[in-house]
Amino acid sequence: LYWVESLRIREFIIKMCRKICKKSELQLLDQTVSLDSLSLRRSISGWPCIHRVYQFEVSTNGADRLPGYVTLTGRIVRTVQIEGIDGMTTIYPHKQERVH
């Protein structure tokens, strides 16, 4: 059951990253995300839940590779961070999204 749920969350994250890249005029490299870290944390309500960080890479011109990260606590997307060329980090989403 955990494996099926993880695949479903990963597919949701890939779709979300594609949408963000298209909106930001970035190219999602390798068309995929990978699980960077997995741990247990407490949700806002105080219950233990799985905290996941996914990593992906984007490009502004096809020649550079910029890292990006998606952070989920439970089924709620907390942040999507894409590091810019100037070292700044752009944070998405402006509202929290829930994995369906």
N, C-alpha and C. Protein backbone atom coordinates (compact mmCIF):
# COMPACT_ATOMS: atom_id res chain seq x y z
N LEU A 1 0.82 -1.19 0.00
CA LEU A 1 0.00 0.00 0.00
C LEU A 1 0.87 1.26 0.00
N TYR A 2 1.93 1.26 0.79
CA TYR A 2 2.84 2.40 0.85
C TYR A 2 3.46 2.65 -0.53
N TRP A 3 3.86 1.58 -1.21
CA TRP A 3 4.50 1.69 -2.51
C TRP A 3 3.57 2.32 -3.54
N VAL A 4 2.32 1.89 -3.57
CA VAL A 4 1.33 2.44 -4.50
C VAL A 4 1.09 3.92 -4.20
N GLU A 5 0.95 4.26 -2.94
CA GLU A 5 0.75 5.65 -2.54
C GLU A 5 1.96 6.51 -2.93
N SER A 6 3.17 5.99 -2.76
CA SER A 6 4.38 6.73 -3.13
C SER A 6 4.43 7.00 -4.63
N LEU A 7 4.04 6.02 -5.43
CA LEU A 7 4.01 6.21 -6.89
C LEU A 7 2.99 7.27 -7.28
N ARG A 8 1.85 7.26 -6.64
CA ARG A 8 0.80 8.24 -6.93
C ARG A 8 1.26 9.65 -6.56
N ILE A 9 1.90 9.80 -5.43
CA ILE A 9 2.41 11.10 -5.01
C ILE A 9 3.50 11.57 -5.97
N ARG A 10 4.39 10.67 -6.38
CA ARG A 10 5.47 11.02 -7.31
C ARG A 10 4.90 11.50 -8.64
N GLU A 11 3.89 10.83 -9.16
CA GLU A 11 3.27 11.25 -10.42
C GLU A 11 2.63 12.63 -10.28
N PHE A 12 2.00 12.89 -9.15
CA PHE A 12 1.41 14.20 -8.89
C PHE A 12 2.50 15.28 -8.87
N ILE A 13 3.63 14.99 -8.23
CA ILE A 13 4.73 15.95 -8.13
C ILE A 13 5.31 16.23 -9.52
N ILE A 14 5.45 15.21 -10.35
CA ILE A 14 5.97 15.41 -11.71
C ILE A 14 5.04 16.34 -12.49
N LYS A 15 3.73 16.10 -12.42
CA LYS A 15 2.78 16.96 -13.13
C LYS A 15 2.85 18.40 -12.62
N MET A 16 2.96 18.56 -11.31
CA MET A 16 3.04 19.89 -10.72
C MET A 16 4.32 20.60 -11.18
N CYS A 17 5.45 19.89 -11.21
CA CYS A 17 6.72 20.48 -11.64
C CYS A 17 6.65 20.89 -13.12
N ARG A 18 6.03 20.07 -13.94
CA ARG A 18 5.87 20.42 -15.36
C ARG A 18 5.05 21.70 -15.51
N LYS A 19 3.97 21.80 -14.74
CA LYS A 19 3.12 22.98 -14.80
C LYS A 19 3.88 24.23 -14.35
N ILE A 20 4.63 24.12 -13.28
CA ILE A 20 5.41 25.26 -12.78
C ILE A 20 6.48 25.66 -13.77
N CYS A 21 7.16 24.67 -14.37
CA CYS A 21 8.20 24.97 -15.35
C CYS A 21 7.62 25.65 -16.58
N LYS A 22 6.48 25.18 -17.03
CA LYS A 22 5.85 25.80 -18.20
C LYS A 22 5.47 27.25 -17.89
N LYS A 23 4.89 27.46 -16.72
CA LYS A 23 4.48 28.80 -16.30
C LYS A 23 5.68 29.74 -16.14
N SER A 24 6.82 29.20 -15.69
CA SER A 24 8.02 30.00 -15.43
C SER A 24 8.99 30.02 -16.61
N GLU A 25 8.59 29.40 -17.71
CA GLU A 25 9.42 29.31 -18.92
C GLU A 25 10.75 28.63 -18.62
N LEU A 26 10.69 27.51 -17.91
CA LEU A 26 11.85 26.69 -17.60
C LEU A 26 11.65 25.32 -18.24
N GLN A 27 12.75 24.60 -18.41
CA GLN A 27 12.69 23.25 -18.95
C GLN A 27 12.95 22.27 -17.82
N LEU A 28 12.02 21.33 -17.60
CA LEU A 28 12.21 20.28 -16.60
C LEU A 28 13.14 19.23 -17.19
N LEU A 29 14.34 19.12 -16.65
CA LEU A 29 15.33 18.19 -17.19
C LEU A 29 15.02 16.77 -16.76
N ASP A 30 15.26 15.83 -17.62
CA ASP A 30 15.06 14.40 -17.40
C ASP A 30 13.58 14.04 -17.19
N GLN A 31 12.69 15.02 -17.20
CA GLN A 31 11.25 14.82 -17.07
C GLN A 31 10.87 13.97 -15.86
N THR A 32 11.61 14.09 -14.78
CA THR A 32 11.33 13.28 -13.61
C THR A 32 11.77 13.97 -12.32
N VAL A 33 11.35 13.40 -11.20
CA VAL A 33 11.78 13.83 -9.87
C VAL A 33 12.30 12.60 -9.13
N SER A 34 13.13 12.83 -8.14
CA SER A 34 13.62 11.70 -7.34
C SER A 34 13.47 12.03 -5.86
N LEU A 35 13.22 11.00 -5.07
CA LEU A 35 13.06 11.17 -3.64
C LEU A 35 14.42 11.47 -3.03
N ASP A 36 14.54 12.62 -2.38
CA ASP A 36 15.80 13.05 -1.78
C ASP A 36 15.88 12.65 -0.32
N SER A 37 14.78 12.81 0.42
CA SER A 37 14.78 12.41 1.82
C SER A 37 13.37 12.02 2.27
N LEU A 38 13.33 11.19 3.29
CA LEU A 38 12.09 10.67 3.84
C LEU A 38 12.24 10.59 5.34
N SER A 39 11.29 11.16 6.08
CA SER A 39 11.37 11.14 7.54
C SER A 39 9.97 11.25 8.13
N LEU A 40 9.87 11.07 9.42
CA LEU A 40 8.61 11.25 10.13
C LEU A 40 8.60 12.62 10.80
N ARG A 41 7.49 13.30 10.65
CA ARG A 41 7.29 14.61 11.28
C ARG A 41 5.88 14.67 11.82
N ARG A 42 5.58 15.69 12.56
CA ARG A 42 4.22 15.92 13.04
C ARG A 42 3.52 16.88 12.08
N SER A 43 2.27 16.58 11.80
CA SER A 43 1.47 17.47 10.96
C SER A 43 1.03 18.67 11.80
N ILE A 44 0.33 19.59 11.16
CA ILE A 44 -0.17 20.77 11.87
C ILE A 44 -1.10 20.36 13.00
N SER A 45 -1.85 19.27 12.78
CA SER A 45 -2.78 18.79 13.81
C SER A 45 -2.09 17.99 14.90
N GLY A 46 -0.77 17.72 14.75
CA GLY A 46 -0.03 17.03 15.79
C GLY A 46 0.15 15.54 15.57
N TRP A 47 -0.45 14.99 14.51
CA TRP A 47 -0.31 13.56 14.23
C TRP A 47 0.97 13.29 13.46
N PRO A 48 1.60 12.13 13.71
CA PRO A 48 2.80 11.79 12.94
C PRO A 48 2.43 11.54 11.47
N CYS A 49 3.28 12.02 10.57
CA CYS A 49 3.05 11.79 9.14
C CYS A 49 4.40 11.74 8.43
N ILE A 50 4.38 11.31 7.18
CA ILE A 50 5.60 11.17 6.41
C ILE A 50 5.96 12.52 5.78
N HIS A 51 7.22 12.90 5.96
CA HIS A 51 7.76 14.13 5.37
C HIS A 51 8.68 13.72 4.24
N ARG A 52 8.39 14.19 3.01
CA ARG A 52 9.17 13.82 1.83
C ARG A 52 9.76 15.07 1.19
N VAL A 53 10.97 14.92 0.68
CA VAL A 53 11.59 15.97 -0.14
C VAL A 53 12.00 15.32 -1.45
N TYR A 54 11.45 15.85 -2.55
CA TYR A 54 11.80 15.38 -3.88
C TYR A 54 12.72 16.38 -4.53
N GLN A 55 13.65 15.89 -5.35
CA GLN A 55 14.59 16.74 -6.05
C GLN A 55 14.36 16.63 -7.55
N PHE A 56 14.54 17.73 -8.27
CA PHE A 56 14.47 17.74 -9.72
C PHE A 56 15.42 18.81 -10.23
N GLU A 57 15.62 18.84 -11.55
CA GLU A 57 16.50 19.83 -12.14
C GLU A 57 15.79 20.54 -13.28
N VAL A 58 16.06 21.83 -13.40
CA VAL A 58 15.48 22.64 -14.47
C VAL A 58 16.61 23.37 -15.20
N SER A 59 16.25 23.91 -16.37
CA SER A 59 17.20 24.67 -17.15
C SER A 59 16.51 25.91 -17.69
N THR A 60 17.26 27.00 -17.75
CA THR A 60 16.71 28.23 -18.32
C THR A 60 16.99 28.32 -19.82
N ASN A 61 18.08 27.68 -20.27
CA ASN A 61 18.48 27.78 -21.67
C ASN A 61 18.88 26.45 -22.30
N GLY A 62 18.75 25.36 -21.59
CA GLY A 62 19.12 24.04 -22.10
C GLY A 62 20.56 23.67 -21.80
N ALA A 63 21.39 24.63 -21.38
CA ALA A 63 22.80 24.35 -21.10
C ALA A 63 23.10 24.31 -19.61
N ASP A 64 22.30 24.97 -18.80
CA ASP A 64 22.55 24.99 -17.36
C ASP A 64 21.65 23.98 -16.65
N ARG A 65 22.02 23.61 -15.45
CA ARG A 65 21.23 22.70 -14.61
C ARG A 65 21.07 23.36 -13.25
N LEU A 66 19.82 23.68 -12.92
CA LEU A 66 19.53 24.32 -11.65
C LEU A 66 18.70 23.37 -10.79
N PRO A 67 19.07 23.19 -9.51
CA PRO A 67 18.33 22.27 -8.66
C PRO A 67 17.00 22.84 -8.18
N GLY A 68 16.07 21.94 -7.97
CA GLY A 68 14.78 22.30 -7.42
C GLY A 68 14.35 21.25 -6.41
N TYR A 69 13.49 21.64 -5.48
CA TYR A 69 13.04 20.74 -4.43
C TYR A 69 11.56 20.94 -4.16
N VAL A 70 10.86 19.83 -3.93
CA VAL A 70 9.46 19.86 -3.54
C VAL A 70 9.38 19.22 -2.16
N THR A 71 8.76 19.92 -1.21
CA THR A 71 8.63 19.41 0.16
C THR A 71 7.17 19.13 0.46
N LEU A 72 6.90 17.91 0.92
CA LEU A 72 5.56 17.50 1.31
C LEU A 72 5.57 17.05 2.76
N THR A 73 4.54 17.41 3.48
CA THR A 73 4.30 16.87 4.82
C THR A 73 2.95 16.20 4.75
N GLY A 74 2.95 14.89 4.90
CA GLY A 74 1.73 14.13 4.68
C GLY A 74 1.38 14.19 3.21
N ARG A 75 0.20 14.69 2.88
CA ARG A 75 -0.23 14.83 1.50
C ARG A 75 -0.31 16.30 1.07
N ILE A 76 0.29 17.18 1.86
CA ILE A 76 0.23 18.61 1.57
C ILE A 76 1.58 19.10 1.06
N VAL A 77 1.58 19.74 -0.12
CA VAL A 77 2.79 20.33 -0.67
C VAL A 77 3.07 21.61 0.10
N ARG A 78 4.19 21.66 0.77
CA ARG A 78 4.56 22.83 1.56
C ARG A 78 5.28 23.87 0.72
N THR A 79 6.33 23.44 0.02
CA THR A 79 7.10 24.38 -0.80
C THR A 79 7.61 23.69 -2.06
N VAL A 80 7.83 24.51 -3.07
CA VAL A 80 8.57 24.12 -4.26
C VAL A 80 9.62 25.20 -4.44
N GLN A 81 10.88 24.81 -4.38
CA GLN A 81 11.97 25.77 -4.47
C GLN A 81 12.79 25.50 -5.73
N ILE A 82 13.06 26.56 -6.48
CA ILE A 82 13.92 26.46 -7.65
C ILE A 82 15.01 27.51 -7.51
N GLU A 83 16.25 27.05 -7.48
CA GLU A 83 17.35 28.00 -7.32
C GLU A 83 17.62 28.68 -8.64
N GLY A 84 17.75 30.00 -8.60
CA GLY A 84 18.03 30.77 -9.79
C GLY A 84 19.51 30.88 -10.06
N ILE A 85 19.85 31.39 -11.23
CA ILE A 85 21.25 31.56 -11.62
C ILE A 85 21.97 32.50 -10.67
N ASP A 86 21.26 33.50 -10.17
CA ASP A 86 21.87 34.48 -9.26
C ASP A 86 21.95 34.00 -7.81
N GLY A 87 21.58 32.73 -7.59
CA GLY A 87 21.68 32.17 -6.26
C GLY A 87 20.41 32.33 -5.43
N MET A 88 19.47 33.12 -5.92
CA MET A 88 18.21 33.32 -5.20
C MET A 88 17.34 32.07 -5.36
N THR A 89 16.46 31.85 -4.42
CA THR A 89 15.54 30.73 -4.47
C THR A 89 14.12 31.26 -4.65
N THR A 90 13.46 30.75 -5.67
CA THR A 90 12.07 31.12 -5.91
C THR A 90 11.19 30.07 -5.24
N ILE A 91 10.20 30.51 -4.47
CA ILE A 91 9.37 29.56 -3.72
C ILE A 91 7.96 29.54 -4.27
N TYR A 92 7.49 28.35 -4.59
CA TYR A 92 6.12 28.10 -5.02
C TYR A 92 5.55 27.07 -4.06
N PRO A 93 4.34 26.79 -3.97
CA PRO A 93 3.21 27.54 -4.51
C PRO A 93 2.82 28.66 -3.56
N HIS A 94 2.04 29.59 -4.01
CA HIS A 94 1.59 30.68 -3.16
C HIS A 94 0.51 30.18 -2.20
N LYS A 95 -0.20 29.15 -2.60
CA LYS A 95 -1.16 28.49 -1.71
C LYS A 95 -0.76 27.02 -1.61
N GLN A 96 -1.06 26.39 -0.52
CA GLN A 96 -0.70 25.00 -0.34
C GLN A 96 -1.60 24.11 -1.18
N GLU A 97 -0.99 23.11 -1.83
CA GLU A 97 -1.73 22.15 -2.62
C GLU A 97 -1.76 20.82 -1.91
N ARG A 98 -2.81 20.08 -2.13
CA ARG A 98 -2.98 18.76 -1.54
C ARG A 98 -2.91 17.72 -2.64
N VAL A 99 -2.15 16.63 -2.40
CA VAL A 99 -2.08 15.53 -3.34
C VAL A 99 -3.44 14.85 -3.39
N HIS A 100 -3.95 14.65 -4.58
CA HIS A 100 -5.28 14.02 -4.74
C HIS A 100 -5.20 12.53 -4.63
